[in-house]
Amino acid sequence: MTAEALSKVIVKGMEEKKASEILVLDLRKIKNAVTEFFVICSGNSDTQLEAISKSIEDEVHKSGEKPAWRVEGKANGEWVLMDFVNVVVHIFLKDKREYYGLEELWGDAKTTLIN
């Protein structure tokens, strides 16, 4: 599966649990980018962040893709990072997303706002 197709599966998992402000950043034309896509979303609570990450895992599994290579941040419940190598997922509490401002750091990327 291509990274672009995987990012769409990930977005579906986010939408299943009512993630907000879903944003897909296409980094393929950015020199020295660490991955091909970032998919970023927000949740309202640590419980919702956990549900979103689980939904992503379920959708990726159903698609036949391998699970995330690495998952970080589930214990703190403020920012969950899921690394699928060619796609990196960031699930934030809203205030943490604003604080870290990943969208601004990758301002050269092509962005697609899902909701």
N, C-alpha and C. Protein backbone atom coordinates (compact mmCIF):
# COMPACT_ATOMS: atom_id res chain seq x y z
N MET A 1 0.84 -1.17 0.00
CA MET A 1 0.00 0.00 0.00
C MET A 1 0.89 1.24 0.00
N THR A 2 0.51 2.22 -0.78
CA THR A 2 1.29 3.46 -0.82
C THR A 2 1.07 4.26 0.45
N ALA A 3 1.97 5.17 0.70
CA ALA A 3 1.84 6.04 1.87
C ALA A 3 0.58 6.90 1.76
N GLU A 4 0.26 7.33 0.57
CA GLU A 4 -0.94 8.15 0.37
C GLU A 4 -2.20 7.35 0.71
N ALA A 5 -2.26 6.10 0.26
CA ALA A 5 -3.41 5.24 0.56
C ALA A 5 -3.49 4.96 2.06
N LEU A 6 -2.34 4.72 2.68
CA LEU A 6 -2.31 4.48 4.12
C LEU A 6 -2.80 5.70 4.88
N SER A 7 -2.44 6.88 4.43
CA SER A 7 -2.90 8.09 5.12
C SER A 7 -4.42 8.19 5.07
N LYS A 8 -5.03 7.74 3.98
CA LYS A 8 -6.50 7.76 3.88
C LYS A 8 -7.14 6.76 4.84
N VAL A 9 -6.51 5.61 5.01
CA VAL A 9 -7.00 4.62 5.98
C VAL A 9 -6.91 5.20 7.39
N ILE A 10 -5.84 5.88 7.68
CA ILE A 10 -5.64 6.50 8.99
C ILE A 10 -6.69 7.58 9.25
N VAL A 11 -6.96 8.38 8.23
CA VAL A 11 -8.00 9.41 8.36
C VAL A 11 -9.34 8.77 8.68
N LYS A 12 -9.65 7.66 8.03
CA LYS A 12 -10.91 6.95 8.30
C LYS A 12 -10.99 6.54 9.77
N GLY A 13 -9.89 6.02 10.30
CA GLY A 13 -9.85 5.65 11.72
C GLY A 13 -10.08 6.84 12.63
N MET A 14 -9.53 7.99 12.25
CA MET A 14 -9.74 9.21 13.04
C MET A 14 -11.20 9.64 13.00
N GLU A 15 -11.77 9.61 11.81
CA GLU A 15 -13.16 10.02 11.66
C GLU A 15 -14.12 9.13 12.43
N GLU A 16 -13.79 7.85 12.54
CA GLU A 16 -14.65 6.90 13.27
C GLU A 16 -14.83 7.31 14.73
N LYS A 17 -13.85 8.00 15.30
CA LYS A 17 -13.91 8.40 16.70
C LYS A 17 -14.04 9.92 16.87
N LYS A 18 -14.54 10.56 15.82
CA LYS A 18 -14.88 11.99 15.87
C LYS A 18 -13.69 12.89 16.18
N ALA A 19 -12.53 12.55 15.65
CA ALA A 19 -11.37 13.45 15.78
C ALA A 19 -11.69 14.77 15.08
N SER A 20 -11.14 15.84 15.57
CA SER A 20 -11.39 17.15 14.95
C SER A 20 -10.13 17.69 14.30
N GLU A 21 -10.33 18.66 13.42
CA GLU A 21 -9.23 19.35 12.75
C GLU A 21 -8.23 18.37 12.14
N ILE A 22 -8.71 17.40 11.39
CA ILE A 22 -7.82 16.43 10.75
C ILE A 22 -7.10 17.12 9.60
N LEU A 23 -5.80 17.01 9.60
CA LEU A 23 -4.97 17.66 8.60
C LEU A 23 -3.94 16.67 8.07
N VAL A 24 -3.86 16.56 6.75
CA VAL A 24 -2.87 15.70 6.11
C VAL A 24 -1.81 16.60 5.48
N LEU A 25 -0.56 16.39 5.87
CA LEU A 25 0.56 17.15 5.30
C LEU A 25 1.35 16.23 4.39
N ASP A 26 1.44 16.59 3.13
CA ASP A 26 2.19 15.83 2.14
C ASP A 26 3.61 16.38 2.13
N LEU A 27 4.55 15.58 2.63
CA LEU A 27 5.94 16.02 2.77
C LEU A 27 6.84 15.47 1.66
N ARG A 28 6.26 14.82 0.67
CA ARG A 28 7.08 14.15 -0.35
C ARG A 28 7.99 15.10 -1.13
N LYS A 29 7.62 16.35 -1.27
CA LYS A 29 8.45 17.29 -2.02
C LYS A 29 9.33 18.15 -1.13
N ILE A 30 9.32 17.86 0.17
CA ILE A 30 10.14 18.61 1.12
C ILE A 30 11.48 17.90 1.27
N LYS A 31 12.54 18.61 0.97
CA LYS A 31 13.88 18.03 1.07
C LYS A 31 14.18 17.66 2.52
N ASN A 32 14.74 16.49 2.71
CA ASN A 32 15.15 15.97 4.02
C ASN A 32 13.98 15.72 4.99
N ALA A 33 12.78 15.56 4.48
CA ALA A 33 11.65 15.23 5.35
C ALA A 33 11.85 13.83 5.92
N VAL A 34 11.38 13.62 7.12
CA VAL A 34 11.58 12.35 7.81
C VAL A 34 10.59 11.27 7.38
N THR A 35 9.54 11.66 6.68
CA THR A 35 8.50 10.73 6.26
C THR A 35 7.78 11.33 5.04
N GLU A 36 6.85 10.59 4.47
CA GLU A 36 6.12 11.09 3.32
C GLU A 36 4.88 11.90 3.71
N PHE A 37 4.21 11.48 4.77
CA PHE A 37 3.01 12.17 5.22
C PHE A 37 2.99 12.29 6.73
N PHE A 38 2.46 13.43 7.21
CA PHE A 38 2.03 13.59 8.59
C PHE A 38 0.51 13.64 8.53
N VAL A 39 -0.14 12.95 9.44
CA VAL A 39 -1.58 13.08 9.60
C VAL A 39 -1.79 13.52 11.04
N ILE A 40 -2.41 14.68 11.20
CA ILE A 40 -2.55 15.32 12.51
C ILE A 40 -4.03 15.49 12.82
N CYS A 41 -4.40 15.25 14.08
CA CYS A 41 -5.77 15.52 14.50
C CYS A 41 -5.79 15.92 15.96
N SER A 42 -6.95 16.38 16.40
CA SER A 42 -7.14 16.78 17.79
C SER A 42 -8.26 15.96 18.41
N GLY A 43 -8.15 15.81 19.72
CA GLY A 43 -9.19 15.18 20.52
C GLY A 43 -9.45 16.03 21.75
N ASN A 44 -10.55 15.74 22.43
CA ASN A 44 -10.97 16.55 23.56
C ASN A 44 -10.53 16.02 24.92
N SER A 45 -10.09 14.77 24.98
CA SER A 45 -9.70 14.19 26.26
C SER A 45 -8.70 13.07 26.03
N ASP A 46 -8.04 12.65 27.11
CA ASP A 46 -7.11 11.54 26.98
C ASP A 46 -7.84 10.26 26.58
N THR A 47 -9.08 10.11 27.01
CA THR A 47 -9.88 8.95 26.63
C THR A 47 -10.15 8.95 25.12
N GLN A 48 -10.47 10.13 24.58
CA GLN A 48 -10.71 10.20 23.13
C GLN A 48 -9.42 9.95 22.36
N LEU A 49 -8.29 10.46 22.84
CA LEU A 49 -7.01 10.20 22.17
C LEU A 49 -6.74 8.71 22.09
N GLU A 50 -6.98 8.01 23.18
CA GLU A 50 -6.79 6.56 23.21
C GLU A 50 -7.73 5.88 22.22
N ALA A 51 -9.00 6.32 22.18
CA ALA A 51 -9.97 5.72 21.26
C ALA A 51 -9.58 5.97 19.81
N ILE A 52 -9.09 7.15 19.50
CA ILE A 52 -8.66 7.47 18.14
C ILE A 52 -7.49 6.58 17.74
N SER A 53 -6.51 6.44 18.61
CA SER A 53 -5.33 5.62 18.27
C SER A 53 -5.74 4.15 18.07
N LYS A 54 -6.65 3.66 18.90
CA LYS A 54 -7.13 2.28 18.75
C LYS A 54 -7.90 2.11 17.44
N SER A 55 -8.72 3.09 17.09
CA SER A 55 -9.47 3.04 15.84
C SER A 55 -8.54 3.04 14.63
N ILE A 56 -7.47 3.82 14.69
CA ILE A 56 -6.47 3.83 13.61
C ILE A 56 -5.83 2.45 13.50
N GLU A 57 -5.44 1.87 14.64
CA GLU A 57 -4.84 0.53 14.63
C GLU A 57 -5.80 -0.47 13.99
N ASP A 58 -7.08 -0.40 14.33
CA ASP A 58 -8.08 -1.33 13.78
C ASP A 58 -8.24 -1.16 12.28
N GLU A 59 -8.33 0.09 11.81
CA GLU A 59 -8.50 0.34 10.37
C GLU A 59 -7.28 -0.11 9.57
N VAL A 60 -6.10 0.16 10.11
CA VAL A 60 -4.87 -0.26 9.43
C VAL A 60 -4.80 -1.79 9.38
N HIS A 61 -5.17 -2.45 10.46
CA HIS A 61 -5.17 -3.91 10.49
C HIS A 61 -6.16 -4.47 9.46
N LYS A 62 -7.36 -3.88 9.40
CA LYS A 62 -8.38 -4.34 8.43
C LYS A 62 -7.90 -4.17 6.99
N SER A 63 -7.08 -3.16 6.76
CA SER A 63 -6.59 -2.91 5.39
C SER A 63 -5.48 -3.88 4.99
N GLY A 64 -4.98 -4.65 5.96
CA GLY A 64 -3.92 -5.60 5.66
C GLY A 64 -2.52 -5.05 5.84
N GLU A 65 -2.41 -3.81 6.27
CA GLU A 65 -1.10 -3.19 6.49
C GLU A 65 -0.52 -3.64 7.83
N LYS A 66 0.76 -3.47 7.95
CA LYS A 66 1.45 -3.80 9.20
C LYS A 66 1.10 -2.76 10.26
N PRO A 67 1.14 -3.15 11.53
CA PRO A 67 0.86 -2.18 12.60
C PRO A 67 1.96 -1.13 12.67
N ALA A 68 1.69 -0.11 13.46
CA ALA A 68 2.66 0.97 13.63
C ALA A 68 3.99 0.40 14.10
N TRP A 69 5.07 0.92 13.53
CA TRP A 69 6.41 0.50 13.90
C TRP A 69 6.69 0.90 15.35
N ARG A 70 6.16 2.05 15.72
CA ARG A 70 6.38 2.55 17.08
C ARG A 70 5.20 3.44 17.48
N VAL A 71 4.79 3.35 18.74
CA VAL A 71 3.74 4.21 19.29
C VAL A 71 4.27 4.81 20.58
N GLU A 72 4.14 6.12 20.70
CA GLU A 72 4.63 6.83 21.89
C GLU A 72 3.54 7.74 22.44
N GLY A 73 3.53 7.96 23.73
CA GLY A 73 2.69 8.97 24.35
C GLY A 73 1.35 8.52 24.89
N LYS A 74 1.02 7.25 24.76
CA LYS A 74 -0.28 6.81 25.27
C LYS A 74 -0.38 6.99 26.78
N ALA A 75 0.72 6.85 27.47
CA ALA A 75 0.70 6.95 28.93
C ALA A 75 0.40 8.36 29.42
N ASN A 76 0.89 9.38 28.70
CA ASN A 76 0.67 10.75 29.19
C ASN A 76 -0.65 11.34 28.73
N GLY A 77 -1.24 10.81 27.67
CA GLY A 77 -2.57 11.22 27.25
C GLY A 77 -2.70 12.63 26.72
N GLU A 78 -1.60 13.23 26.26
CA GLU A 78 -1.66 14.58 25.71
C GLU A 78 -1.29 14.63 24.23
N TRP A 79 -0.41 13.72 23.82
CA TRP A 79 0.06 13.69 22.43
C TRP A 79 0.47 12.25 22.15
N VAL A 80 -0.23 11.60 21.24
CA VAL A 80 0.12 10.24 20.84
C VAL A 80 0.75 10.31 19.46
N LEU A 81 1.90 9.69 19.32
CA LEU A 81 2.60 9.62 18.05
C LEU A 81 2.61 8.16 17.60
N MET A 82 2.17 7.94 16.36
CA MET A 82 2.16 6.59 15.78
C MET A 82 3.01 6.63 14.52
N ASP A 83 4.06 5.84 14.49
CA ASP A 83 5.00 5.85 13.37
C ASP A 83 4.78 4.63 12.49
N PHE A 84 4.26 4.88 11.29
CA PHE A 84 4.07 3.83 10.30
C PHE A 84 5.18 3.90 9.24
N VAL A 85 6.28 4.52 9.55
CA VAL A 85 7.47 4.74 8.73
C VAL A 85 7.19 5.78 7.64
N ASN A 86 6.37 5.47 6.64
CA ASN A 86 6.09 6.42 5.57
C ASN A 86 4.98 7.40 5.92
N VAL A 87 4.27 7.12 6.99
CA VAL A 87 3.22 8.01 7.50
C VAL A 87 3.39 8.10 9.02
N VAL A 88 3.43 9.32 9.52
CA VAL A 88 3.54 9.53 10.96
C VAL A 88 2.27 10.25 11.42
N VAL A 89 1.65 9.70 12.45
CA VAL A 89 0.38 10.20 12.96
C VAL A 89 0.63 10.94 14.27
N HIS A 90 -0.01 12.11 14.41
CA HIS A 90 0.05 12.89 15.64
C HIS A 90 -1.38 13.12 16.10
N ILE A 91 -1.69 12.66 17.31
CA ILE A 91 -3.01 12.85 17.90
C ILE A 91 -2.82 13.70 19.15
N PHE A 92 -3.35 14.91 19.12
CA PHE A 92 -3.11 15.89 20.18
C PHE A 92 -4.36 16.24 20.96
N LEU A 93 -4.18 16.58 22.23
CA LEU A 93 -5.18 17.41 22.90
C LEU A 93 -5.09 18.78 22.25
N LYS A 94 -6.19 19.49 22.15
CA LYS A 94 -6.21 20.75 21.40
C LYS A 94 -5.18 21.76 21.87
N ASP A 95 -5.03 21.94 23.17
CA ASP A 95 -4.07 22.94 23.66
C ASP A 95 -2.63 22.54 23.37
N LYS A 96 -2.33 21.26 23.41
CA LYS A 96 -0.97 20.79 23.10
C LYS A 96 -0.67 20.97 21.61
N ARG A 97 -1.66 20.76 20.78
CA ARG A 97 -1.47 20.95 19.34
C ARG A 97 -1.12 22.40 19.04
N GLU A 98 -1.84 23.31 19.67
CA GLU A 98 -1.54 24.74 19.47
C GLU A 98 -0.15 25.08 19.99
N TYR A 99 0.22 24.52 21.12
CA TYR A 99 1.51 24.81 21.73
C TYR A 99 2.67 24.37 20.83
N TYR A 100 2.60 23.14 20.30
CA TYR A 100 3.71 22.62 19.50
C TYR A 100 3.70 23.11 18.06
N GLY A 101 2.55 23.42 17.50
CA GLY A 101 2.46 24.05 16.19
C GLY A 101 3.16 23.31 15.06
N LEU A 102 2.96 22.01 14.95
CA LEU A 102 3.61 21.25 13.88
C LEU A 102 3.27 21.76 12.49
N GLU A 103 2.04 22.25 12.33
CA GLU A 103 1.63 22.76 11.02
C GLU A 103 2.54 23.89 10.56
N GLU A 104 2.93 24.75 11.51
CA GLU A 104 3.82 25.86 11.15
C GLU A 104 5.24 25.39 10.83
N LEU A 105 5.70 24.36 11.55
CA LEU A 105 7.04 23.85 11.31
C LEU A 105 7.19 23.28 9.91
N TRP A 106 6.11 22.72 9.37
CA TRP A 106 6.13 22.12 8.04
C TRP A 106 5.28 22.96 7.09
N GLY A 107 5.42 24.26 7.17
CA GLY A 107 4.62 25.20 6.37
C GLY A 107 4.78 25.05 4.87
N ASP A 108 5.87 24.45 4.41
CA ASP A 108 6.09 24.26 2.97
C ASP A 108 5.32 23.07 2.41
N ALA A 109 4.77 22.26 3.28
CA ALA A 109 4.09 21.04 2.84
C ALA A 109 2.73 21.36 2.23
N LYS A 110 2.31 20.52 1.31
CA LYS A 110 0.95 20.61 0.77
C LYS A 110 0.01 20.09 1.85
N THR A 111 -1.00 20.88 2.21
CA THR A 111 -1.89 20.48 3.29
C THR A 111 -3.30 20.25 2.78
N THR A 112 -3.97 19.28 3.39
CA THR A 112 -5.37 18.99 3.10
C THR A 112 -6.10 18.92 4.41
N LEU A 113 -7.05 19.84 4.61
CA LEU A 113 -7.88 19.85 5.81
C LEU A 113 -9.09 18.96 5.56
N ILE A 114 -9.27 17.95 6.41
CA ILE A 114 -10.36 17.00 6.24
C ILE A 114 -11.63 17.54 6.91
N ASN A 115 -11.53 18.06 8.11
CA ASN A 115 -12.70 18.63 8.79
C ASN A 115 -12.30 19.74 9.73
